[in-house]
Full PDB file with SEQRES, HELIX, SHEET, SSBOND, CRYST1, ORIGX, SCALE, CONECT and MASTER records, all heavy atoms in Angstrom:
SEQRES   1 A   44  PHE ARG PRO GLY VAL MET ASP ARG LEU GLY ILE GLY TYR          
SEQRES   2 A   44  GLU ALA LEU ARG ALA VAL ASN PRO ARG LEU ILE TYR CYS          
SEQRES   3 A   44  THR ILE SER GLY PHE GLY SER THR GLY PRO PHE ARG ASN          
SEQRES   4 A   44  GLU ALA GLY TYR ASP                                          
HELIX    1 AA1 VAL A    5  LEU A    9  1                                   5    
HELIX    2 AA2 TYR A   13  VAL A   19  1                                   7    
CRYST1    1.000    1.000    1.000  90.00  90.00  90.00 P 1           1          
ORIGX1      1.000000  0.000000  0.000000        0.00000                         
ORIGX2      0.000000  1.000000  0.000000        0.00000                         
ORIGX3      0.000000  0.000000  1.000000        0.00000                         
SCALE1      1.000000  0.000000  0.000000        0.00000                         
SCALE2      0.000000  1.000000  0.000000        0.00000                         
SCALE3      0.000000  0.000000  1.000000        0.00000                         
ATOM      1  N   PHE A   1      26.324  -0.589  30.976  1.00  0.00           N  
ATOM      2  CA  PHE A   1      27.092   0.368  30.189  1.00  0.00           C  
ATOM      3  C   PHE A   1      27.465  -0.216  28.900  1.00  0.00           C  
ATOM      4  O   PHE A   1      27.425  -1.463  28.643  1.00  0.00           O  
ATOM      5  CB  PHE A   1      28.315   0.809  30.938  1.00  0.00           C  
ATOM      6  CG  PHE A   1      28.052   1.440  32.297  1.00  0.00           C  
ATOM      7  CD1 PHE A   1      28.351   0.817  33.454  1.00  0.00           C  
ATOM      8  CD2 PHE A   1      27.552   2.766  32.328  1.00  0.00           C  
ATOM      9  CE1 PHE A   1      28.155   1.471  34.628  1.00  0.00           C  
ATOM     10  CE2 PHE A   1      27.323   3.418  33.504  1.00  0.00           C  
ATOM     11  CZ  PHE A   1      27.609   2.800  34.677  1.00  0.00           C  
ATOM     12  N   ARG A   2      27.860   0.671  27.923  1.00  0.00           N  
ATOM     13  CA  ARG A   2      28.435   0.081  26.749  1.00  0.00           C  
ATOM     14  C   ARG A   2      29.690  -0.719  27.068  1.00  0.00           C  
ATOM     15  O   ARG A   2      30.384  -0.376  28.025  1.00  0.00           O  
ATOM     16  CB  ARG A   2      28.794   1.215  25.762  1.00  0.00           C  
ATOM     17  CG  ARG A   2      27.619   1.914  25.170  1.00  0.00           C  
ATOM     18  CD  ARG A   2      28.032   2.711  23.989  1.00  0.00           C  
ATOM     19  NE  ARG A   2      27.002   3.658  23.566  1.00  0.00           N  
ATOM     20  CZ  ARG A   2      27.050   4.433  22.439  1.00  0.00           C  
ATOM     21  NH1 ARG A   2      28.033   4.373  21.696  1.00  0.00           N  
ATOM     22  NH2 ARG A   2      25.996   5.267  22.192  1.00  0.00           N  
ATOM     23  N   PRO A   3      29.986  -1.783  26.154  1.00  0.00           N  
ATOM     24  CA  PRO A   3      31.258  -2.522  26.466  1.00  0.00           C  
ATOM     25  C   PRO A   3      32.462  -1.672  26.617  1.00  0.00           C  
ATOM     26  O   PRO A   3      32.689  -0.693  25.882  1.00  0.00           O  
ATOM     27  CB  PRO A   3      31.312  -3.477  25.285  1.00  0.00           C  
ATOM     28  CG  PRO A   3      29.876  -3.574  24.789  1.00  0.00           C  
ATOM     29  CD  PRO A   3      29.314  -2.260  25.070  1.00  0.00           C  
ATOM     30  N   GLY A   4      33.209  -1.947  27.647  1.00  0.00           N  
ATOM     31  CA  GLY A   4      34.508  -1.310  27.935  1.00  0.00           C  
ATOM     32  C   GLY A   4      34.485  -0.127  28.908  1.00  0.00           C  
ATOM     33  O   GLY A   4      35.430   0.179  29.487  1.00  0.00           O  
ATOM     34  N   VAL A   5      33.219   0.308  29.230  1.00  0.00           N  
ATOM     35  CA  VAL A   5      33.200   1.509  30.153  1.00  0.00           C  
ATOM     36  C   VAL A   5      33.583   1.017  31.556  1.00  0.00           C  
ATOM     37  O   VAL A   5      34.434   1.729  32.232  1.00  0.00           O  
ATOM     38  CB  VAL A   5      31.685   2.041  30.281  1.00  0.00           C  
ATOM     39  CG1 VAL A   5      31.560   2.985  31.382  1.00  0.00           C  
ATOM     40  CG2 VAL A   5      31.324   2.698  28.969  1.00  0.00           C  
ATOM     41  N   MET A   6      33.127  -0.022  32.048  1.00  0.00           N  
ATOM     42  CA  MET A   6      33.579  -0.493  33.492  1.00  0.00           C  
ATOM     43  C   MET A   6      35.105  -0.812  33.451  1.00  0.00           C  
ATOM     44  O   MET A   6      35.794  -0.538  34.447  1.00  0.00           O  
ATOM     45  CB  MET A   6      32.760  -1.769  33.748  1.00  0.00           C  
ATOM     46  CG  MET A   6      31.303  -1.435  34.078  1.00  0.00           C  
ATOM     47  SD  MET A   6      30.960  -0.635  35.588  1.00  0.00           S  
ATOM     48  CE  MET A   6      30.903  -2.039  36.749  1.00  0.00           C  
ATOM     49  N   ASP A   7      35.650  -1.359  32.361  1.00  0.00           N  
ATOM     50  CA  ASP A   7      37.060  -1.604  32.290  1.00  0.00           C  
ATOM     51  C   ASP A   7      37.818  -0.289  32.448  1.00  0.00           C  
ATOM     52  O   ASP A   7      38.788  -0.222  33.163  1.00  0.00           O  
ATOM     53  CB  ASP A   7      37.439  -2.279  31.017  1.00  0.00           C  
ATOM     54  CG  ASP A   7      36.944  -3.727  31.038  1.00  0.00           C  
ATOM     55  OD1 ASP A   7      37.056  -4.382  32.032  1.00  0.00           O  
ATOM     56  OD2 ASP A   7      36.502  -4.177  29.936  1.00  0.00           O  
ATOM     57  N   ARG A   8      37.366   0.792  31.725  1.00  0.00           N  
ATOM     58  CA  ARG A   8      38.047   2.047  31.810  1.00  0.00           C  
ATOM     59  C   ARG A   8      38.001   2.647  33.141  1.00  0.00           C  
ATOM     60  O   ARG A   8      39.001   3.439  33.600  1.00  0.00           O  
ATOM     61  CB  ARG A   8      37.515   3.027  30.675  1.00  0.00           C  
ATOM     62  CG  ARG A   8      37.843   2.586  29.317  1.00  0.00           C  
ATOM     63  CD  ARG A   8      37.558   3.677  28.272  1.00  0.00           C  
ATOM     64  NE  ARG A   8      36.148   4.014  28.260  1.00  0.00           N  
ATOM     65  CZ  ARG A   8      35.396   3.366  27.332  1.00  0.00           C  
ATOM     66  NH1 ARG A   8      35.888   2.356  26.577  1.00  0.00           N  
ATOM     67  NH2 ARG A   8      34.046   3.658  27.286  1.00  0.00           N  
ATOM     68  N   LEU A   9      37.025   2.342  33.913  1.00  0.00           N  
ATOM     69  CA  LEU A   9      36.869   2.834  35.279  1.00  0.00           C  
ATOM     70  C   LEU A   9      37.685   1.974  36.251  1.00  0.00           C  
ATOM     71  O   LEU A   9      37.870   2.413  37.425  1.00  0.00           O  
ATOM     72  CB  LEU A   9      35.349   2.815  35.702  1.00  0.00           C  
ATOM     73  CG  LEU A   9      34.407   3.776  35.005  1.00  0.00           C  
ATOM     74  CD1 LEU A   9      32.940   3.431  35.334  1.00  0.00           C  
ATOM     75  CD2 LEU A   9      34.759   5.240  35.457  1.00  0.00           C  
ATOM     76  N   GLY A  10      38.217   0.876  35.812  1.00  0.00           N  
ATOM     77  CA  GLY A  10      38.986   0.046  36.663  1.00  0.00           C  
ATOM     78  C   GLY A  10      38.151  -0.933  37.438  1.00  0.00           C  
ATOM     79  O   GLY A  10      38.711  -1.552  38.444  1.00  0.00           O  
ATOM     80  N   ILE A  11      36.911  -1.162  37.128  1.00  0.00           N  
ATOM     81  CA  ILE A  11      36.037  -2.071  37.848  1.00  0.00           C  
ATOM     82  C   ILE A  11      35.318  -3.038  36.866  1.00  0.00           C  
ATOM     83  O   ILE A  11      34.181  -3.448  37.055  1.00  0.00           O  
ATOM     84  CB  ILE A  11      35.010  -1.357  38.668  1.00  0.00           C  
ATOM     85  CG1 ILE A  11      34.294  -0.211  37.925  1.00  0.00           C  
ATOM     86  CG2 ILE A  11      35.694  -0.724  39.879  1.00  0.00           C  
ATOM     87  CD1 ILE A  11      33.235   0.490  38.705  1.00  0.00           C  
ATOM     88  N   GLY A  12      36.101  -3.384  35.820  1.00  0.00           N  
ATOM     89  CA  GLY A  12      35.545  -4.433  34.880  1.00  0.00           C  
ATOM     90  C   GLY A  12      35.609  -5.754  35.464  1.00  0.00           C  
ATOM     91  O   GLY A  12      36.136  -5.964  36.614  1.00  0.00           O  
ATOM     92  N   TYR A  13      35.177  -6.815  34.742  1.00  0.00           N  
ATOM     93  CA  TYR A  13      35.173  -8.150  35.246  1.00  0.00           C  
ATOM     94  C   TYR A  13      36.496  -8.650  35.754  1.00  0.00           C  
ATOM     95  O   TYR A  13      36.608  -9.175  36.856  1.00  0.00           O  
ATOM     96  CB  TYR A  13      34.577  -9.129  34.218  1.00  0.00           C  
ATOM     97  CG  TYR A  13      34.581 -10.545  34.655  1.00  0.00           C  
ATOM     98  CD1 TYR A  13      33.931 -11.016  35.726  1.00  0.00           C  
ATOM     99  CD2 TYR A  13      35.353 -11.435  33.977  1.00  0.00           C  
ATOM    100  CE1 TYR A  13      33.953 -12.300  36.186  1.00  0.00           C  
ATOM    101  CE2 TYR A  13      35.420 -12.841  34.318  1.00  0.00           C  
ATOM    102  CZ  TYR A  13      34.668 -13.215  35.424  1.00  0.00           C  
ATOM    103  OH  TYR A  13      34.714 -14.520  35.824  1.00  0.00           O  
ATOM    104  N   GLU A  14      37.554  -8.480  34.972  1.00  0.00           N  
ATOM    105  CA  GLU A  14      38.886  -9.037  35.386  1.00  0.00           C  
ATOM    106  C   GLU A  14      39.341  -8.390  36.652  1.00  0.00           C  
ATOM    107  O   GLU A  14      39.834  -9.101  37.630  1.00  0.00           O  
ATOM    108  CB  GLU A  14      39.871  -8.871  34.251  1.00  0.00           C  
ATOM    109  CG  GLU A  14      39.539  -9.691  33.014  1.00  0.00           C  
ATOM    110  CD  GLU A  14      39.552 -11.249  33.278  1.00  0.00           C  
ATOM    111  OE1 GLU A  14      40.198 -11.575  34.236  1.00  0.00           O  
ATOM    112  OE2 GLU A  14      38.866 -11.897  32.581  1.00  0.00           O  
ATOM    113  N   ALA A  15      39.159  -7.044  36.786  1.00  0.00           N  
ATOM    114  CA  ALA A  15      39.562  -6.408  37.982  1.00  0.00           C  
ATOM    115  C   ALA A  15      38.770  -6.845  39.247  1.00  0.00           C  
ATOM    116  O   ALA A  15      39.317  -7.081  40.267  1.00  0.00           O  
ATOM    117  CB  ALA A  15      39.537  -4.881  37.822  1.00  0.00           C  
ATOM    118  N   LEU A  16      37.540  -7.021  39.028  1.00  0.00           N  
ATOM    119  CA  LEU A  16      36.655  -7.364  40.189  1.00  0.00           C  
ATOM    120  C   LEU A  16      36.855  -8.847  40.587  1.00  0.00           C  
ATOM    121  O   LEU A  16      36.674  -9.202  41.688  1.00  0.00           O  
ATOM    122  CB  LEU A  16      35.194  -6.988  39.948  1.00  0.00           C  
ATOM    123  CG  LEU A  16      34.906  -5.557  39.735  1.00  0.00           C  
ATOM    124  CD1 LEU A  16      33.418  -5.320  39.497  1.00  0.00           C  
ATOM    125  CD2 LEU A  16      35.407  -4.717  40.842  1.00  0.00           C  
ATOM    126  N   ARG A  17      37.094  -9.669  39.544  1.00  0.00           N  
ATOM    127  CA  ARG A  17      37.280 -10.997  39.828  1.00  0.00           C  
ATOM    128  C   ARG A  17      38.528 -11.275  40.646  1.00  0.00           C  
ATOM    129  O   ARG A  17      38.676 -12.212  41.417  1.00  0.00           O  
ATOM    130  CB  ARG A  17      37.331 -11.865  38.472  1.00  0.00           C  
ATOM    131  CG  ARG A  17      37.504 -13.334  38.737  1.00  0.00           C  
ATOM    132  CD  ARG A  17      37.379 -14.156  37.414  1.00  0.00           C  
ATOM    133  NE  ARG A  17      38.590 -13.882  36.570  1.00  0.00           N  
ATOM    134  CZ  ARG A  17      38.902 -14.693  35.555  1.00  0.00           C  
ATOM    135  NH1 ARG A  17      38.217 -15.692  35.193  1.00  0.00           N  
ATOM    136  NH2 ARG A  17      39.979 -14.320  34.802  1.00  0.00           N  
ATOM    137  N   ALA A  18      39.523 -10.396  40.411  1.00  0.00           N  
ATOM    138  CA  ALA A  18      40.729 -10.554  41.209  1.00  0.00           C  
ATOM    139  C   ALA A  18      40.503 -10.283  42.684  1.00  0.00           C  
ATOM    140  O   ALA A  18      41.184 -10.857  43.576  1.00  0.00           O  
ATOM    141  CB  ALA A  18      41.773  -9.527  40.732  1.00  0.00           C  
ATOM    142  N   VAL A  19      39.515  -9.506  42.985  1.00  0.00           N  
ATOM    143  CA  VAL A  19      39.106  -9.200  44.283  1.00  0.00           C  
ATOM    144  C   VAL A  19      38.212 -10.370  44.884  1.00  0.00           C  
ATOM    145  O   VAL A  19      38.354 -10.654  46.065  1.00  0.00           O  
ATOM    146  CB  VAL A  19      38.352  -7.876  44.463  1.00  0.00           C  
ATOM    147  CG1 VAL A  19      37.823  -7.587  45.905  1.00  0.00           C  
ATOM    148  CG2 VAL A  19      39.199  -6.692  43.879  1.00  0.00           C  
ATOM    149  N   ASN A  20      37.348 -10.835  44.075  1.00  0.00           N  
ATOM    150  CA  ASN A  20      36.364 -11.884  44.537  1.00  0.00           C  
ATOM    151  C   ASN A  20      36.239 -12.919  43.482  1.00  0.00           C  
ATOM    152  O   ASN A  20      35.430 -12.711  42.515  1.00  0.00           O  
ATOM    153  CB  ASN A  20      35.035 -11.222  44.916  1.00  0.00           C  
ATOM    154  CG  ASN A  20      34.015 -12.267  45.459  1.00  0.00           C  
ATOM    155  OD1 ASN A  20      34.252 -13.472  45.362  1.00  0.00           O  
ATOM    156  ND2 ASN A  20      32.916 -11.684  45.801  1.00  0.00           N  
ATOM    157  N   PRO A  21      36.924 -14.073  43.492  1.00  0.00           N  
ATOM    158  CA  PRO A  21      36.933 -15.034  42.450  1.00  0.00           C  
ATOM    159  C   PRO A  21      35.508 -15.654  42.334  1.00  0.00           C  
ATOM    160  O   PRO A  21      35.236 -16.284  41.248  1.00  0.00           O  
ATOM    161  CB  PRO A  21      37.871 -16.098  42.876  1.00  0.00           C  
ATOM    162  CG  PRO A  21      38.828 -15.366  43.754  1.00  0.00           C  
ATOM    163  CD  PRO A  21      37.968 -14.312  44.491  1.00  0.00           C  
ATOM    164  N   ARG A  22      34.600 -15.653  43.363  1.00  0.00           N  
ATOM    165  CA  ARG A  22      33.349 -16.230  43.219  1.00  0.00           C  
ATOM    166  C   ARG A  22      32.304 -15.293  42.717  1.00  0.00           C  
ATOM    167  O   ARG A  22      31.089 -15.579  42.528  1.00  0.00           O  
ATOM    168  CB  ARG A  22      32.880 -16.660  44.643  1.00  0.00           C  
ATOM    169  CG  ARG A  22      33.638 -17.824  45.269  1.00  0.00           C  
ATOM    170  CD  ARG A  22      33.277 -18.034  46.669  1.00  0.00           C  
ATOM    171  NE  ARG A  22      31.795 -18.123  46.986  1.00  0.00           N  
ATOM    172  CZ  ARG A  22      31.047 -19.186  46.754  1.00  0.00           C  
ATOM    173  NH1 ARG A  22      31.634 -20.385  46.399  1.00  0.00           N  
ATOM    174  NH2 ARG A  22      29.762 -19.172  46.991  1.00  0.00           N  
ATOM    175  N   LEU A  23      32.778 -14.146  42.155  1.00  0.00           N  
ATOM    176  CA  LEU A  23      31.783 -13.112  41.722  1.00  0.00           C  
ATOM    177  C   LEU A  23      31.143 -13.537  40.355  1.00  0.00           C  
ATOM    178  O   LEU A  23      31.782 -14.026  39.518  1.00  0.00           O  
ATOM    179  CB  LEU A  23      32.589 -11.715  41.531  1.00  0.00           C  
ATOM    180  CG  LEU A  23      31.723 -10.618  41.074  1.00  0.00           C  
ATOM    181  CD1 LEU A  23      30.831 -10.160  42.215  1.00  0.00           C  
ATOM    182  CD2 LEU A  23      32.608  -9.432  40.644  1.00  0.00           C  
ATOM    183  N   ILE A  24      29.843 -13.270  40.292  1.00  0.00           N  
ATOM    184  CA  ILE A  24      29.129 -13.460  39.046  1.00  0.00           C  
ATOM    185  C   ILE A  24      28.822 -12.026  38.520  1.00  0.00           C  
ATOM    186  O   ILE A  24      28.339 -11.207  39.114  1.00  0.00           O  
ATOM    187  CB  ILE A  24      27.795 -14.141  39.289  1.00  0.00           C  
ATOM    188  CG1 ILE A  24      27.986 -15.638  39.727  1.00  0.00           C  
ATOM    189  CG2 ILE A  24      26.890 -14.134  38.060  1.00  0.00           C  
ATOM    190  CD1 ILE A  24      26.825 -16.311  40.279  1.00  0.00           C  
ATOM    191  N   TYR A  25      29.332 -11.839  37.312  1.00  0.00           N  
ATOM    192  CA  TYR A  25      29.321 -10.525  36.660  1.00  0.00           C  
ATOM    193  C   TYR A  25      28.476 -10.505  35.448  1.00  0.00           C  
ATOM    194  O   TYR A  25      28.787 -11.271  34.482  1.00  0.00           O  
ATOM    195  CB  TYR A  25      30.800 -10.022  36.266  1.00  0.00           C  
ATOM    196  CG  TYR A  25      31.020  -8.687  35.775  1.00  0.00           C  
ATOM    197  CD1 TYR A  25      31.559  -7.732  36.594  1.00  0.00           C  
ATOM    198  CD2 TYR A  25      30.584  -8.291  34.505  1.00  0.00           C  
ATOM    199  CE1 TYR A  25      31.802  -6.399  36.028  1.00  0.00           C  
ATOM    200  CE2 TYR A  25      30.755  -7.065  34.044  1.00  0.00           C  
ATOM    201  CZ  TYR A  25      31.343  -6.051  34.799  1.00  0.00           C  
ATOM    202  OH  TYR A  25      31.508  -4.836  34.305  1.00  0.00           O  
ATOM    203  N   CYS A  26      27.400  -9.765  35.458  1.00  0.00           N  
ATOM    204  CA  CYS A  26      26.390  -9.754  34.305  1.00  0.00           C  
ATOM    205  C   CYS A  26      26.380  -8.396  33.642  1.00  0.00           C  
ATOM    206  O   CYS A  26      26.112  -7.452  34.277  1.00  0.00           O  
ATOM    207  CB  CYS A  26      25.017 -10.124  34.882  1.00  0.00           C  
ATOM    208  SG  CYS A  26      23.763 -10.062  33.597  1.00  0.00           S  
ATOM    209  N   THR A  27      26.794  -8.391  32.373  1.00  0.00           N  
ATOM    210  CA  THR A  27      26.649  -7.164  31.654  1.00  0.00           C  
ATOM    211  C   THR A  27      25.554  -7.344  30.571  1.00  0.00           C  
ATOM    212  O   THR A  27      25.369  -8.396  29.931  1.00  0.00           O  
ATOM    213  CB  THR A  27      28.016  -6.856  30.967  1.00  0.00           C  
ATOM    214  OG1 THR A  27      27.872  -5.652  30.192  1.00  0.00           O  
ATOM    215  CG2 THR A  27      28.440  -7.961  30.000  1.00  0.00           C  
ATOM    216  N   ILE A  28      24.784  -6.234  30.410  1.00  0.00           N  
ATOM    217  CA  ILE A  28      23.702  -6.222  29.397  1.00  0.00           C  
ATOM    218  C   ILE A  28      23.966  -5.044  28.535  1.00  0.00           C  
ATOM    219  O   ILE A  28      24.203  -3.916  28.951  1.00  0.00           O  
ATOM    220  CB  ILE A  28      22.357  -5.900  30.183  1.00  0.00           C  
ATOM    221  CG1 ILE A  28      22.090  -6.913  31.318  1.00  0.00           C  
ATOM    222  CG2 ILE A  28      21.235  -6.047  29.141  1.00  0.00           C  
ATOM    223  CD1 ILE A  28      20.985  -6.547  32.174  1.00  0.00           C  
ATOM    224  N   SER A  29      23.958  -5.345  27.147  1.00  0.00           N  
ATOM    225  CA  SER A  29      24.168  -4.296  26.216  1.00  0.00           C  
ATOM    226  C   SER A  29      23.353  -4.642  24.996  1.00  0.00           C  
ATOM    227  O   SER A  29      22.743  -5.705  24.834  1.00  0.00           O  
ATOM    228  CB  SER A  29      25.715  -4.171  25.793  1.00  0.00           C  
ATOM    229  OG  SER A  29      26.126  -5.369  25.282  1.00  0.00           O  
ATOM    230  N   GLY A  30      23.300  -3.624  24.092  1.00  0.00           N  
ATOM    231  CA  GLY A  30      22.538  -3.849  22.903  1.00  0.00           C  
ATOM    232  C   GLY A  30      22.984  -5.072  22.001  1.00  0.00           C  
ATOM    233  O   GLY A  30      22.103  -5.842  21.536  1.00  0.00           O  
ATOM    234  N   PHE A  31      24.233  -5.210  21.951  1.00  0.00           N  
ATOM    235  CA  PHE A  31      24.785  -6.296  21.004  1.00  0.00           C  
ATOM    236  C   PHE A  31      25.776  -7.259  21.616  1.00  0.00           C  
ATOM    237  O   PHE A  31      26.269  -8.090  20.860  1.00  0.00           O  
ATOM    238  CB  PHE A  31      25.383  -5.604  19.842  1.00  0.00           C  
ATOM    239  CG  PHE A  31      24.391  -4.727  19.080  1.00  0.00           C  
ATOM    240  CD1 PHE A  31      24.231  -3.396  19.396  1.00  0.00           C  
ATOM    241  CD2 PHE A  31      23.568  -5.202  18.136  1.00  0.00           C  
ATOM    242  CE1 PHE A  31      23.317  -2.572  18.701  1.00  0.00           C  
ATOM    243  CE2 PHE A  31      22.622  -4.451  17.416  1.00  0.00           C  
ATOM    244  CZ  PHE A  31      22.499  -3.106  17.780  1.00  0.00           C  
ATOM    245  N   GLY A  32      25.985  -7.181  22.882  1.00  0.00           N  
ATOM    246  CA  GLY A  32      26.982  -8.018  23.553  1.00  0.00           C  
ATOM    247  C   GLY A  32      28.364  -7.408  23.512  1.00  0.00           C  
ATOM    248  O   GLY A  32      28.612  -6.367  22.879  1.00  0.00           O  
ATOM    249  N   SER A  33      29.322  -8.014  24.188  1.00  0.00           N  
ATOM    250  CA  SER A  33      30.577  -7.462  24.394  1.00  0.00           C  
ATOM    251  C   SER A  33      31.650  -7.873  23.262  1.00  0.00           C  
ATOM    252  O   SER A  33      32.774  -7.500  23.300  1.00  0.00           O  
ATOM    253  CB  SER A  33      31.151  -7.889  25.772  1.00  0.00           C  
ATOM    254  OG  SER A  33      31.299  -9.327  25.825  1.00  0.00           O  
ATOM    255  N   THR A  34      31.220  -8.648  22.322  1.00  0.00           N  
ATOM    256  CA  THR A  34      32.014  -9.024  21.142  1.00  0.00           C  
ATOM    257  C   THR A  34      31.344  -8.792  19.898  1.00  0.00           C  
ATOM    258  O   THR A  34      30.060  -8.589  19.906  1.00  0.00           O  
ATOM    259  CB  THR A  34      32.449 -10.574  21.251  1.00  0.00           C  
ATOM    260  OG1 THR A  34      31.348 -11.320  21.262  1.00  0.00           O  
ATOM    261  CG2 THR A  34      33.249 -10.820  22.564  1.00  0.00           C  
ATOM    262  N   GLY A  35      31.991  -8.883  18.758  1.00  0.00           N  
ATOM    263  CA  GLY A  35      31.360  -8.739  17.455  1.00  0.00           C  
ATOM    264  C   GLY A  35      31.471  -7.303  16.897  1.00  0.00           C  
ATOM    265  O   GLY A  35      31.761  -6.411  17.650  1.00  0.00           O  
ATOM    266  N   PRO A  36      31.192  -7.111  15.611  1.00  0.00           N  
ATOM    267  CA  PRO A  36      31.397  -5.862  14.950  1.00  0.00           C  
ATOM    268  C   PRO A  36      30.496  -4.779  15.448  1.00  0.00           C  
ATOM    269  O   PRO A  36      30.782  -3.562  15.191  1.00  0.00           O  
ATOM    270  CB  PRO A  36      31.201  -6.203  13.424  1.00  0.00           C  
ATOM    271  CG  PRO A  36      30.335  -7.402  13.511  1.00  0.00           C  
ATOM    272  CD  PRO A  36      30.757  -8.220  14.664  1.00  0.00           C  
ATOM    273  N   PHE A  37      29.391  -5.087  16.077  1.00  0.00           N  
ATOM    274  CA  PHE A  37      28.396  -4.050  16.488  1.00  0.00           C  
ATOM    275  C   PHE A  37      28.481  -3.729  18.009  1.00  0.00           C  
ATOM    276  O   PHE A  37      27.615  -3.115  18.510  1.00  0.00           O  
ATOM    277  CB  PHE A  37      27.011  -4.488  16.093  1.00  0.00           C  
ATOM    278  CG  PHE A  37      26.681  -4.191  14.643  1.00  0.00           C  
ATOM    279  CD1 PHE A  37      27.191  -4.975  13.630  1.00  0.00           C  
ATOM    280  CD2 PHE A  37      25.805  -3.192  14.342  1.00  0.00           C  
ATOM    281  CE1 PHE A  37      26.896  -4.805  12.320  1.00  0.00           C  
ATOM    282  CE2 PHE A  37      25.460  -3.057  13.044  1.00  0.00           C  
ATOM    283  CZ  PHE A  37      26.023  -3.819  11.990  1.00  0.00           C  
ATOM    284  N   ARG A  38      29.550  -4.372  18.628  1.00  0.00           N  
ATOM    285  CA  ARG A  38      29.620  -4.361  20.125  1.00  0.00           C  
ATOM    286  C   ARG A  38      29.506  -2.891  20.686  1.00  0.00           C  
ATOM    287  O   ARG A  38      29.022  -2.711  21.782  1.00  0.00           O  
ATOM    288  CB  ARG A  38      30.924  -4.899  20.591  1.00  0.00           C  
ATOM    289  CG  ARG A  38      32.181  -4.310  20.226  1.00  0.00           C  
ATOM    290  CD  ARG A  38      33.423  -5.061  20.635  1.00  0.00           C  
ATOM    291  NE  ARG A  38      33.533  -5.209  22.016  1.00  0.00           N  
ATOM    292  CZ  ARG A  38      34.253  -4.273  22.739  1.00  0.00           C  
ATOM    293  NH1 ARG A  38      34.773  -3.219  22.239  1.00  0.00           N  
ATOM    294  NH2 ARG A  38      34.351  -4.466  24.064  1.00  0.00           N  
ATOM    295  N   ASN A  39      29.985  -1.880  19.970  1.00  0.00           N  
ATOM    296  CA  ASN A  39      30.026  -0.560  20.501  1.00  0.00           C  
ATOM    297  C   ASN A  39      28.759   0.292  20.178  1.00  0.00           C  
ATOM    298  O   ASN A  39      28.660   1.467  20.587  1.00  0.00           O  
ATOM    299  CB  ASN A  39      31.329   0.157  20.034  1.00  0.00           C  
ATOM    300  CG  ASN A  39      32.578  -0.444  20.746  1.00  0.00           C  
ATOM    301  OD1 ASN A  39      32.526  -0.729  21.914  1.00  0.00           O  
ATOM    302  ND2 ASN A  39      33.611  -0.600  19.949  1.00  0.00           N  
ATOM    303  N   GLU A  40      27.899  -0.277  19.375  1.00  0.00           N  
ATOM    304  CA  GLU A  40      26.645   0.457  19.062  1.00  0.00           C  
ATOM    305  C   GLU A  40      25.673   0.525  20.190  1.00  0.00           C  
ATOM    306  O   GLU A  40      25.594  -0.469  21.071  1.00  0.00           O  
ATOM    307  CB  GLU A  40      26.005  -0.174  17.867  1.00  0.00           C  
ATOM    308  CG  GLU A  40      26.677   0.093  16.534  1.00  0.00           C  
ATOM    309  CD  GLU A  40      25.690   0.083  15.390  1.00  0.00           C  
ATOM    310  OE1 GLU A  40      24.432   0.172  15.610  1.00  0.00           O  
ATOM    311  OE2 GLU A  40      26.137   0.087  14.222  1.00  0.00           O  
ATOM    312  N   ALA A  41      24.974   1.683  20.292  1.00  0.00           N  
ATOM    313  CA  ALA A  41      24.043   1.839  21.396  1.00  0.00           C  
ATOM    314  C   ALA A  41      22.886   0.965  21.124  1.00  0.00           C  
ATOM    315  O   ALA A  41      22.452   0.690  20.020  1.00  0.00           O  
ATOM    316  CB  ALA A  41      23.596   3.303  21.431  1.00  0.00           C  
ATOM    317  N   GLY A  42      22.261   0.410  22.254  1.00  0.00           N  
ATOM    318  CA  GLY A  42      21.114  -0.452  22.153  1.00  0.00           C  
ATOM    319  C   GLY A  42      19.862   0.215  22.775  1.00  0.00           C  
ATOM    320  O   GLY A  42      19.884   0.412  23.973  1.00  0.00           O  
ATOM    321  N   TYR A  43      18.944   0.612  21.985  1.00  0.00           N  
ATOM    322  CA  TYR A  43      17.691   1.136  22.504  1.00  0.00           C  
ATOM    323  C   TYR A  43      16.528   0.218  22.137  1.00  0.00           C  
ATOM    324  O   TYR A  43      16.599  -0.432  21.027  1.00  0.00           O  
ATOM    325  CB  TYR A  43      17.475   2.531  21.959  1.00  0.00           C  
ATOM    326  CG  TYR A  43      18.399   3.539  22.483  1.00  0.00           C  
ATOM    327  CD1 TYR A  43      19.527   3.888  21.802  1.00  0.00           C  
ATOM    328  CD2 TYR A  43      18.129   4.168  23.772  1.00  0.00           C  
ATOM    329  CE1 TYR A  43      20.484   4.792  22.315  1.00  0.00           C  
ATOM    330  CE2 TYR A  43      19.069   5.049  24.236  1.00  0.00           C  
ATOM    331  CZ  TYR A  43      20.225   5.415  23.579  1.00  0.00           C  
ATOM    332  OH  TYR A  43      21.105   6.303  24.038  1.00  0.00           O  
ATOM    333  N   ASP A  44      15.534   0.164  22.895  1.00  0.00           N  
ATOM    334  CA  ASP A  44      14.434  -0.747  22.725  1.00  0.00           C  
ATOM    335  C   ASP A  44      13.816  -0.661  21.277  1.00  0.00           C  
ATOM    336  O   ASP A  44      13.719  -1.726  20.573  1.00  0.00           O  
ATOM    337  CB  ASP A  44      13.289  -0.520  23.763  1.00  0.00           C  
ATOM    338  CG  ASP A  44      12.125  -1.510  23.456  1.00  0.00           C  
ATOM    339  OD1 ASP A  44      12.134  -2.548  23.960  1.00  0.00           O  
ATOM    340  OD2 ASP A  44      11.131  -1.024  22.871  1.00  0.00           O  
TER     341      ASP A  44                                                      
MASTER        0    0    0    2    0    0    0    6  340    1    0    4          
END                                                                             
């Protein structure tokens, strides 16, 4: 999803890590979760 979507649903990394500290959480987006373009859509 775009950065922030999972957080708004209540199942972002911090929320899920609290349930399972051994969790590996991988997010894929066009530009990454930080930086000025973080919210831009990423298409091939």
